Amino acid sequence: MSEGNLRIRVFGMLRNYSDRDGYIDLGGVNRSHLEVRTLKDVVKEYFKLNHPDFDSELINECAIANQSEVLQSHAPIGIQDEIAILPPVCGG
């Protein structure tokens, strides 16, 4: 099954737009052939629709990571991957 709810963990200032557990829910997303650069477009659309006050272009500056590494823009998103968005400054 390649389509299903895609919950993404967010950090830094993106937490202001997440649920109380630190996730955004992108709803049904087809993960087959999904790459990081395409996922960023989906995330930008999510913010445009759900949080119009947020500058969705900031997503271009964020890193996308799975449970084990930061992913390059051409990297595929695995069907079982847990995904996180890391803004340019996460604090720490």
PDB file of N, CA and C in Angstrom:
ATOM      1  N   MET A   1       0.853  -1.178   0.000  1.00  0.00           N
ATOM      2  CA  MET A   1       0.000   0.000   0.000  1.00  0.00           C
ATOM      3  C   MET A   1       0.895   1.236   0.000  1.00  0.00           C
ATOM      4  N   SER A   2       0.752   2.073  -0.992  1.00  0.00           N
ATOM      5  CA  SER A   2       1.631   3.227  -1.127  1.00  0.00           C
ATOM      6  C   SER A   2       0.931   4.545  -0.823  1.00  0.00           C
ATOM      7  N   GLU A   3      -0.354   4.496  -0.516  1.00  0.00           N
ATOM      8  CA  GLU A   3      -1.059   5.732  -0.197  1.00  0.00           C
ATOM      9  C   GLU A   3      -1.661   5.611   1.190  1.00  0.00           C
ATOM     10  N   GLY A   4      -1.523   6.659   1.939  1.00  0.00           N
ATOM     11  CA  GLY A   4      -2.076   6.684   3.285  1.00  0.00           C
ATOM     12  C   GLY A   4      -1.746   7.994   3.946  1.00  0.00           C
ATOM     13  N   ASN A   5      -2.205   8.136   5.182  1.00  0.00           N
ATOM     14  CA  ASN A   5      -1.907   9.366   5.915  1.00  0.00           C
ATOM     15  C   ASN A   5      -0.418   9.487   6.125  1.00  0.00           C
ATOM     16  N   LEU A   6       0.088  10.660   5.857  1.00  0.00           N
ATOM     17  CA  LEU A   6       1.501  10.942   6.060  1.00  0.00           C
ATOM     18  C   LEU A   6       1.608  11.983   7.159  1.00  0.00           C
ATOM     19  N   ARG A   7       2.080  11.521   8.309  1.00  0.00           N
ATOM     20  CA  ARG A   7       2.324  12.421   9.442  1.00  0.00           C
ATOM     21  C   ARG A   7       3.803  12.725   9.458  1.00  0.00           C
ATOM     22  N   ILE A   8       4.118  14.005   9.587  1.00  0.00           N
ATOM     23  CA  ILE A   8       5.501  14.449   9.560  1.00  0.00           C
ATOM     24  C   ILE A   8       5.813  15.160  10.869  1.00  0.00           C
ATOM     25  N   ARG A   9       6.907  14.766  11.481  1.00  0.00           N
ATOM     26  CA  ARG A   9       7.365  15.404  12.720  1.00  0.00           C
ATOM     27  C   ARG A   9       8.022  16.728  12.361  1.00  0.00           C
ATOM     28  N   VAL A  10       7.681  17.764  13.093  1.00  0.00           N
ATOM     29  CA  VAL A  10       8.262  19.080  12.827  1.00  0.00           C
ATOM     30  C   VAL A  10       8.961  19.599  14.076  1.00  0.00           C
ATOM     31  N   PHE A  11       9.945  20.460  13.847  1.00  0.00           N
ATOM     32  CA  PHE A  11      10.754  21.000  14.930  1.00  0.00           C
ATOM     33  C   PHE A  11      10.859  22.511  14.794  1.00  0.00           C
ATOM     34  N   GLY A  12      11.467  23.128  15.802  1.00  0.00           N
ATOM     35  CA  GLY A  12      11.696  24.566  15.761  1.00  0.00           C
ATOM     36  C   GLY A  12      10.393  25.331  15.665  1.00  0.00           C
ATOM     37  N   MET A  13      10.430  26.427  14.948  1.00  0.00           N
ATOM     38  CA  MET A  13       9.246  27.285  14.842  1.00  0.00           C
ATOM     39  C   MET A  13       8.079  26.606  14.122  1.00  0.00           C
ATOM     40  N   LEU A  14       8.338  25.526  13.399  1.00  0.00           N
ATOM     41  CA  LEU A  14       7.247  24.799  12.742  1.00  0.00           C
ATOM     42  C   LEU A  14       6.308  24.146  13.753  1.00  0.00           C
ATOM     43  N   ARG A  15       6.802  23.942  14.984  1.00  0.00           N
ATOM     44  CA  ARG A  15       5.948  23.365  16.034  1.00  0.00           C
ATOM     45  C   ARG A  15       4.750  24.256  16.334  1.00  0.00           C
ATOM     46  N   ASN A  16       4.862  25.545  16.022  1.00  0.00           N
ATOM     47  CA  ASN A  16       3.725  26.447  16.230  1.00  0.00           C
ATOM     48  C   ASN A  16       2.539  26.068  15.364  1.00  0.00           C
ATOM     49  N   TYR A  17       2.763  25.254  14.344  1.00  0.00           N
ATOM     50  CA  TYR A  17       1.720  24.891  13.386  1.00  0.00           C
ATOM     51  C   TYR A  17       1.374  23.405  13.444  1.00  0.00           C
ATOM     52  N   SER A  18       1.871  22.719  14.452  1.00  0.00           N
ATOM     53  CA  SER A  18       1.671  21.274  14.547  1.00  0.00           C
ATOM     54  C   SER A  18       0.594  20.937  15.576  1.00  0.00           C
ATOM     55  N   ASP A  19       0.274  19.641  15.641  1.00  0.00           N
ATOM     56  CA  ASP A  19      -0.586  19.194  16.727  1.00  0.00           C
ATOM     57  C   ASP A  19       0.235  19.163  18.016  1.00  0.00           C
ATOM     58  N   ARG A  20      -0.370  18.815  19.116  1.00  0.00           N
ATOM     59  CA  ARG A  20       0.341  18.900  20.403  1.00  0.00           C
ATOM     60  C   ARG A  20       1.494  17.911  20.521  1.00  0.00           C
ATOM     61  N   ASP A  21       1.528  16.905  19.643  1.00  0.00           N
ATOM     62  CA  ASP A  21       2.616  15.929  19.645  1.00  0.00           C
ATOM     63  C   ASP A  21       3.760  16.310  18.712  1.00  0.00           C
ATOM     64  N   GLY A  22       3.624  17.441  17.998  1.00  0.00           N
ATOM     65  CA  GLY A  22       4.691  17.907  17.118  1.00  0.00           C
ATOM     66  C   GLY A  22       4.630  17.361  15.712  1.00  0.00           C
ATOM     67  N   TYR A  23       3.434  17.017  15.242  1.00  0.00           N
ATOM     68  CA  TYR A  23       3.256  16.476  13.892  1.00  0.00           C
ATOM     69  C   TYR A  23       2.302  17.337  13.083  1.00  0.00           C
ATOM     70  N   ILE A  24       2.496  17.317  11.770  1.00  0.00           N
ATOM     71  CA  ILE A  24       1.475  17.800  10.844  1.00  0.00           C
ATOM     72  C   ILE A  24       0.999  16.589  10.065  1.00  0.00           C
ATOM     73  N   ASP A  25      -0.276  16.579   9.722  1.00  0.00           N
ATOM     74  CA  ASP A  25      -0.878  15.449   9.019  1.00  0.00           C
ATOM     75  C   ASP A  25      -1.221  15.901   7.608  1.00  0.00           C
ATOM     76  N   LEU A  26      -0.537  15.315   6.636  1.00  0.00           N
ATOM     77  CA  LEU A  26      -0.759  15.703   5.248  1.00  0.00           C
ATOM     78  C   LEU A  26      -1.904  14.951   4.600  1.00  0.00           C
ATOM     79  N   GLY A  27      -2.556  14.077   5.339  1.00  0.00           N
ATOM     80  CA  GLY A  27      -3.664  13.308   4.785  1.00  0.00           C
ATOM     81  C   GLY A  27      -3.156  12.246   3.835  1.00  0.00           C
ATOM     82  N   GLY A  28      -3.986  11.860   2.888  1.00  0.00           N
ATOM     83  CA  GLY A  28      -3.621  10.814   1.937  1.00  0.00           C
ATOM     84  C   GLY A  28      -2.595  11.296   0.931  1.00  0.00           C
ATOM     85  N   VAL A  29      -1.415  10.718   0.983  1.00  0.00           N
ATOM     86  CA  VAL A  29      -0.329  11.073   0.070  1.00  0.00           C
ATOM     87  C   VAL A  29       0.171   9.788  -0.568  1.00  0.00           C
ATOM     88  N   ASN A  30       0.280   9.790  -1.872  1.00  0.00           N
ATOM     89  CA  ASN A  30       0.814   8.638  -2.579  1.00  0.00           C
ATOM     90  C   ASN A  30       2.333   8.644  -2.430  1.00  0.00           C
ATOM     91  N   ARG A  31       2.848   7.652  -1.720  1.00  0.00           N
ATOM     92  CA  ARG A  31       4.288   7.598  -1.448  1.00  0.00           C
ATOM     93  C   ARG A  31       5.087   6.893  -2.540  1.00  0.00           C
ATOM     94  N   SER A  32       4.420   6.255  -3.473  1.00  0.00           N
ATOM     95  CA  SER A  32       5.199   5.595  -4.517  1.00  0.00           C
ATOM     96  C   SER A  32       5.855   6.649  -5.387  1.00  0.00           C
ATOM     97  N   HIS A  33       7.140   6.556  -5.553  1.00  0.00           N
ATOM     98  CA  HIS A  33       7.954   7.485  -6.336  1.00  0.00           C
ATOM     99  C   HIS A  33       8.010   8.890  -5.737  1.00  0.00           C
ATOM    100  N   LEU A  34       7.703   9.014  -4.446  1.00  0.00           N
ATOM    101  CA  LEU A  34       7.773  10.317  -3.776  1.00  0.00           C
ATOM    102  C   LEU A  34       9.219  10.603  -3.408  1.00  0.00           C
ATOM    103  N   GLU A  35       9.708  11.763  -3.819  1.00  0.00           N
ATOM    104  CA  GLU A  35      11.053  12.206  -3.494  1.00  0.00           C
ATOM    105  C   GLU A  35      10.972  13.414  -2.570  1.00  0.00           C
ATOM    106  N   VAL A  36      12.085  13.729  -1.938  1.00  0.00           N
ATOM    107  CA  VAL A  36      12.147  14.849  -0.996  1.00  0.00           C
ATOM    108  C   VAL A  36      11.662  16.137  -1.650  1.00  0.00           C
ATOM    109  N   ARG A  37      12.125  16.440  -2.854  1.00  0.00           N
ATOM    110  CA  ARG A  37      11.731  17.718  -3.479  1.00  0.00           C
ATOM    111  C   ARG A  37      10.222  17.771  -3.730  1.00  0.00           C
ATOM    112  N   THR A  38       9.606  16.632  -4.061  1.00  0.00           N
ATOM    113  CA  THR A  38       8.159  16.585  -4.260  1.00  0.00           C
ATOM    114  C   THR A  38       7.438  16.711  -2.925  1.00  0.00           C
ATOM    115  N   LEU A  39       7.980  16.060  -1.901  1.00  0.00           N
ATOM    116  CA  LEU A  39       7.390  16.167  -0.569  1.00  0.00           C
ATOM    117  C   LEU A  39       7.393  17.617  -0.098  1.00  0.00           C
ATOM    118  N   LYS A  40       8.459  18.345  -0.362  1.00  0.00           N
ATOM    119  CA  LYS A  40       8.501  19.759   0.031  1.00  0.00           C
ATOM    120  C   LYS A  40       7.377  20.543  -0.639  1.00  0.00           C
ATOM    121  N   ASP A  41       7.068  20.228  -1.896  1.00  0.00           N
ATOM    122  CA  ASP A  41       5.952  20.898  -2.578  1.00  0.00           C
ATOM    123  C   ASP A  41       4.627  20.578  -1.896  1.00  0.00           C
ATOM    124  N   VAL A  42       4.449  19.325  -1.493  1.00  0.00           N
ATOM    125  CA  VAL A  42       3.223  18.914  -0.792  1.00  0.00           C
ATOM    126  C   VAL A  42       3.110  19.650   0.541  1.00  0.00           C
ATOM    127  N   VAL A  43       4.218  19.754   1.261  1.00  0.00           N
ATOM    128  CA  VAL A  43       4.227  20.444   2.554  1.00  0.00           C
ATOM    129  C   VAL A  43       3.921  21.930   2.361  1.00  0.00           C
ATOM    130  N   LYS A  44       4.488  22.534   1.334  1.00  0.00           N
ATOM    131  CA  LYS A  44       4.205  23.956   1.073  1.00  0.00           C
ATOM    132  C   LYS A  44       2.711  24.161   0.807  1.00  0.00           C
ATOM    133  N   GLU A  45       2.103  23.273   0.042  1.00  0.00           N
ATOM    134  CA  GLU A  45       0.665  23.376  -0.232  1.00  0.00           C
ATOM    135  C   GLU A  45      -0.141  23.222   1.052  1.00  0.00           C
ATOM    136  N   TYR A  46       0.278  22.302   1.905  1.00  0.00           N
ATOM    137  CA  TYR A  46      -0.381  22.116   3.197  1.00  0.00           C
ATOM    138  C   TYR A  46      -0.397  23.433   3.973  1.00  0.00           C
ATOM    139  N   PHE A  47       0.763  24.086   4.053  1.00  0.00           N
ATOM    140  CA  PHE A  47       0.833  25.340   4.798  1.00  0.00           C
ATOM    141  C   PHE A  47       0.029  26.441   4.126  1.00  0.00           C
ATOM    142  N   LYS A  48       0.041  26.516   2.820  1.00  0.00           N
ATOM    143  CA  LYS A  48      -0.742  27.543   2.120  1.00  0.00           C
ATOM    144  C   LYS A  48      -2.230  27.385   2.422  1.00  0.00           C
ATOM    145  N   LEU A  49      -2.708  26.139   2.462  1.00  0.00           N
ATOM    146  CA  LEU A  49      -4.130  25.880   2.698  1.00  0.00           C
ATOM    147  C   LEU A  49      -4.517  26.002   4.166  1.00  0.00           C
ATOM    148  N   ASN A  50      -3.675  25.544   5.055  1.00  0.00           N
ATOM    149  CA  ASN A  50      -4.040  25.449   6.467  1.00  0.00           C
ATOM    150  C   ASN A  50      -3.504  26.575   7.348  1.00  0.00           C
ATOM    151  N   HIS A  51      -2.449  27.218   6.900  1.00  0.00           N
ATOM    152  CA  HIS A  51      -1.828  28.281   7.690  1.00  0.00           C
ATOM    153  C   HIS A  51      -1.349  29.393   6.747  1.00  0.00           C
ATOM    154  N   PRO A  52      -2.287  30.130   6.152  1.00  0.00           N
ATOM    155  CA  PRO A  52      -1.908  31.130   5.145  1.00  0.00           C
ATOM    156  C   PRO A  52      -0.995  32.230   5.672  1.00  0.00           C
ATOM    157  N   ASP A  53      -0.918  32.397   6.991  1.00  0.00           N
ATOM    158  CA  ASP A  53      -0.025  33.404   7.566  1.00  0.00           C
ATOM    159  C   ASP A  53       1.439  32.943   7.562  1.00  0.00           C
ATOM    160  N   PHE A  54       1.667  31.668   7.344  1.00  0.00           N
ATOM    161  CA  PHE A  54       3.017  31.105   7.336  1.00  0.00           C
ATOM    162  C   PHE A  54       3.650  31.281   5.960  1.00  0.00           C
ATOM    163  N   ASP A  55       4.900  31.713   5.925  1.00  0.00           N
ATOM    164  CA  ASP A  55       5.626  31.846   4.653  1.00  0.00           C
ATOM    165  C   ASP A  55       6.083  30.456   4.216  1.00  0.00           C
ATOM    166  N   SER A  56       5.306  29.808   3.385  1.00  0.00           N
ATOM    167  CA  SER A  56       5.579  28.420   2.997  1.00  0.00           C
ATOM    168  C   SER A  56       6.891  28.264   2.235  1.00  0.00           C
ATOM    169  N   GLU A  57       7.438  29.341   1.711  1.00  0.00           N
ATOM    170  CA  GLU A  57       8.717  29.245   1.009  1.00  0.00           C
ATOM    171  C   GLU A  57       9.856  28.872   1.962  1.00  0.00           C
ATOM    172  N   LEU A  58       9.636  29.043   3.259  1.00  0.00           N
ATOM    173  CA  LEU A  58      10.638  28.621   4.244  1.00  0.00           C
ATOM    174  C   LEU A  58      10.923  27.122   4.129  1.00  0.00           C
ATOM    175  N   ILE A  59       9.950  26.362   3.669  1.00  0.00           N
ATOM    176  CA  ILE A  59      10.128  24.911   3.542  1.00  0.00           C
ATOM    177  C   ILE A  59      11.288  24.592   2.603  1.00  0.00           C
ATOM    178  N   ASN A  60      11.527  25.443   1.620  1.00  0.00           N
ATOM    179  CA  ASN A  60      12.661  25.222   0.712  1.00  0.00           C
ATOM    180  C   ASN A  60      13.989  25.199   1.451  1.00  0.00           C
ATOM    181  N   GLU A  61      14.074  25.900   2.578  1.00  0.00           N
ATOM    182  CA  GLU A  61      15.310  25.990   3.358  1.00  0.00           C
ATOM    183  C   GLU A  61      15.437  24.884   4.406  1.00  0.00           C
ATOM    184  N   CYS A  62      14.383  24.123   4.602  1.00  0.00           N
ATOM    185  CA  CYS A  62      14.379  23.072   5.615  1.00  0.00           C
ATOM    186  C   CYS A  62      15.014  21.784   5.099  1.00  0.00           C
ATOM    187  N   ALA A  63      15.549  21.024   6.037  1.00  0.00           N
ATOM    188  CA  ALA A  63      16.054  19.687   5.722  1.00  0.00           C
ATOM    189  C   ALA A  63      14.933  18.683   5.983  1.00  0.00           C
ATOM    190  N   ILE A  64      14.955  17.616   5.209  1.00  0.00           N
ATOM    191  CA  ILE A  64      14.020  16.511   5.393  1.00  0.00           C
ATOM    192  C   ILE A  64      14.846  15.305   5.820  1.00  0.00           C
ATOM    193  N   ALA A  65      14.392  14.640   6.864  1.00  0.00           N
ATOM    194  CA  ALA A  65      15.123  13.479   7.370  1.00  0.00           C
ATOM    195  C   ALA A  65      14.168  12.308   7.574  1.00  0.00           C
ATOM    196  N   ASN A  66      14.713  11.111   7.452  1.00  0.00           N
ATOM    197  CA  ASN A  66      13.962   9.938   7.870  1.00  0.00           C
ATOM    198  C   ASN A  66      14.494   9.523   9.232  1.00  0.00           C
ATOM    199  N   GLN A  67      14.179   8.341   9.668  1.00  0.00           N
ATOM    200  CA  GLN A  67      14.564   7.925  11.013  1.00  0.00           C
ATOM    201  C   GLN A  67      16.068   7.711  11.185  1.00  0.00           C
ATOM    202  N   SER A  68      16.836   7.750  10.080  1.00  0.00           N
ATOM    203  CA  SER A  68      18.267   7.480  10.235  1.00  0.00           C
ATOM    204  C   SER A  68      19.202   8.505   9.597  1.00  0.00           C
ATOM    205  N   GLU A  69      18.699   9.391   8.711  1.00  0.00           N
ATOM    206  CA  GLU A  69      19.598  10.329   8.059  1.00  0.00           C
ATOM    207  C   GLU A  69      18.854  11.512   7.454  1.00  0.00           C
ATOM    208  N   VAL A  70      19.600  12.590   7.222  1.00  0.00           N
ATOM    209  CA  VAL A  70      19.079  13.732   6.470  1.00  0.00           C
ATOM    210  C   VAL A  70      19.138  13.344   4.991  1.00  0.00           C
ATOM    211  N   LEU A  71      18.054  13.623   4.278  1.00  0.00           N
ATOM    212  CA  LEU A  71      17.919  13.174   2.892  1.00  0.00           C
ATOM    213  C   LEU A  71      18.223  14.284   1.899  1.00  0.00           C
ATOM    214  N   GLN A  72      18.831  13.923   0.803  1.00  0.00           N
ATOM    215  CA  GLN A  72      19.087  14.857  -0.301  1.00  0.00           C
ATOM    216  C   GLN A  72      17.801  15.068  -1.097  1.00  0.00           C
ATOM    217  N   SER A  73      17.740  16.120  -1.895  1.00  0.00           N
ATOM    218  CA  SER A  73      16.500  16.495  -2.583  1.00  0.00           C
ATOM    219  C   SER A  73      15.995  15.438  -3.554  1.00  0.00           C
ATOM    220  N   HIS A  74      16.872  14.637  -4.103  1.00  0.00           N
ATOM    221  CA  HIS A  74      16.459  13.608  -5.063  1.00  0.00           C
ATOM    222  C   HIS A  74      16.166  12.262  -4.403  1.00  0.00           C
ATOM    223  N   ALA A  75      16.368  12.158  -3.089  1.00  0.00           N
ATOM    224  CA  ALA A  75      16.201  10.890  -2.383  1.00  0.00           C
ATOM    225  C   ALA A  75      14.738  10.472  -2.330  1.00  0.00           C
ATOM    226  N   PRO A  76      14.475   9.186  -2.491  1.00  0.00           N
ATOM    227  CA  PRO A  76      13.094   8.697  -2.372  1.00  0.00           C
ATOM    228  C   PRO A  76      12.658   8.651  -0.911  1.00  0.00           C
ATOM    229  N   ILE A  77      11.367   8.823  -0.711  1.00  0.00           N
ATOM    230  CA  ILE A  77      10.763   8.672   0.608  1.00  0.00           C
ATOM    231  C   ILE A  77      10.219   7.245   0.674  1.00  0.00           C
ATOM    232  N   GLY A  78      10.744   6.445   1.575  1.00  0.00           N
ATOM    233  CA  GLY A  78      10.295   5.062   1.709  1.00  0.00           C
ATOM    234  C   GLY A  78       8.891   4.973   2.286  1.00  0.00           C
ATOM    235  N   ILE A  79       8.186   3.932   1.920  1.00  0.00           N
ATOM    236  CA  ILE A  79       6.809   3.752   2.369  1.00  0.00           C
ATOM    237  C   ILE A  79       6.730   3.659   3.892  1.00  0.00           C
ATOM    238  N   GLN A  80       7.722   3.057   4.514  1.00  0.00           N
ATOM    239  CA  GLN A  80       7.722   2.898   5.974  1.00  0.00           C
ATOM    240  C   GLN A  80       8.518   3.984   6.699  1.00  0.00           C
ATOM    241  N   ASP A  81       9.107   4.922   5.982  1.00  0.00           N
ATOM    242  CA  ASP A  81       9.934   5.946   6.617  1.00  0.00           C
ATOM    243  C   ASP A  81       9.124   6.840   7.546  1.00  0.00           C
ATOM    244  N   GLU A  82       9.712   7.164   8.675  1.00  0.00           N
ATOM    245  CA  GLU A  82       9.202   8.218   9.538  1.00  0.00           C
ATOM    246  C   GLU A  82       9.932   9.484   9.102  1.00  0.00           C
ATOM    247  N   ILE A  83       9.184  10.519   8.783  1.00  0.00           N
ATOM    248  CA  ILE A  83       9.753  11.724   8.184  1.00  0.00           C
ATOM    249  C   ILE A  83       9.700  12.887   9.171  1.00  0.00           C
ATOM    250  N   ALA A  84      10.756  13.699   9.142  1.00  0.00           N
ATOM    251  CA  ALA A  84      10.811  14.915   9.961  1.00  0.00           C
ATOM    252  C   ALA A  84      11.270  16.075   9.094  1.00  0.00           C
ATOM    253  N   ILE A  85      10.782  17.267   9.431  1.00  0.00           N
ATOM    254  CA  ILE A  85      11.211  18.503   8.781  1.00  0.00           C
ATOM    255  C   ILE A  85      12.025  19.291   9.808  1.00  0.00           C
ATOM    256  N   LEU A  86      13.234  19.643   9.394  1.00  0.00           N
ATOM    257  CA  LEU A  86      14.148  20.369  10.288  1.00  0.00           C
ATOM    258  C   LEU A  86      14.370  21.767   9.723  1.00  0.00           C
ATOM    259  N   PRO A  87      13.852  22.788  10.384  1.00  0.00           N
ATOM    260  CA  PRO A  87      14.084  24.145   9.893  1.00  0.00           C
ATOM    261  C   PRO A  87      15.558  24.517   9.999  1.00  0.00           C
ATOM    262  N   PRO A  88      15.959  25.578   9.323  1.00  0.00           N
ATOM    263  CA  PRO A  88      17.377  25.962   9.312  1.00  0.00           C
ATOM    264  C   PRO A  88      17.974  26.114  10.699  1.00  0.00           C
ATOM    265  N   VAL A  89      17.186  26.559  11.671  1.00  0.00           N
ATOM    266  CA  VAL A  89      17.667  26.690  13.042  1.00  0.00           C
ATOM    267  C   VAL A  89      16.699  25.947  13.950  1.00  0.00           C
ATOM    268  N   CYS A  90      17.161  24.863  14.534  1.00  0.00           N
ATOM    269  CA  CYS A  90      16.304  24.069  15.417  1.00  0.00           C
ATOM    270  C   CYS A  90      16.516  24.393  16.882  1.00  0.00           C
ATOM    271  N   GLY A  91      17.539  25.134  17.197  1.00  0.00           N
ATOM    272  CA  GLY A  91      17.827  25.416  18.593  1.00  0.00           C
ATOM    273  C   GLY A  91      18.586  24.263  19.213  1.00  0.00           C
ATOM    274  N   GLY A  92      18.787  24.327  20.463  1.00  0.00           N
ATOM    275  CA  GLY A  92      19.443  23.181  21.095  1.00  0.00           C
ATOM    276  C   GLY A  92      20.336  23.575  22.224  1.00  0.00           C
TER     277      GLY A  92
END
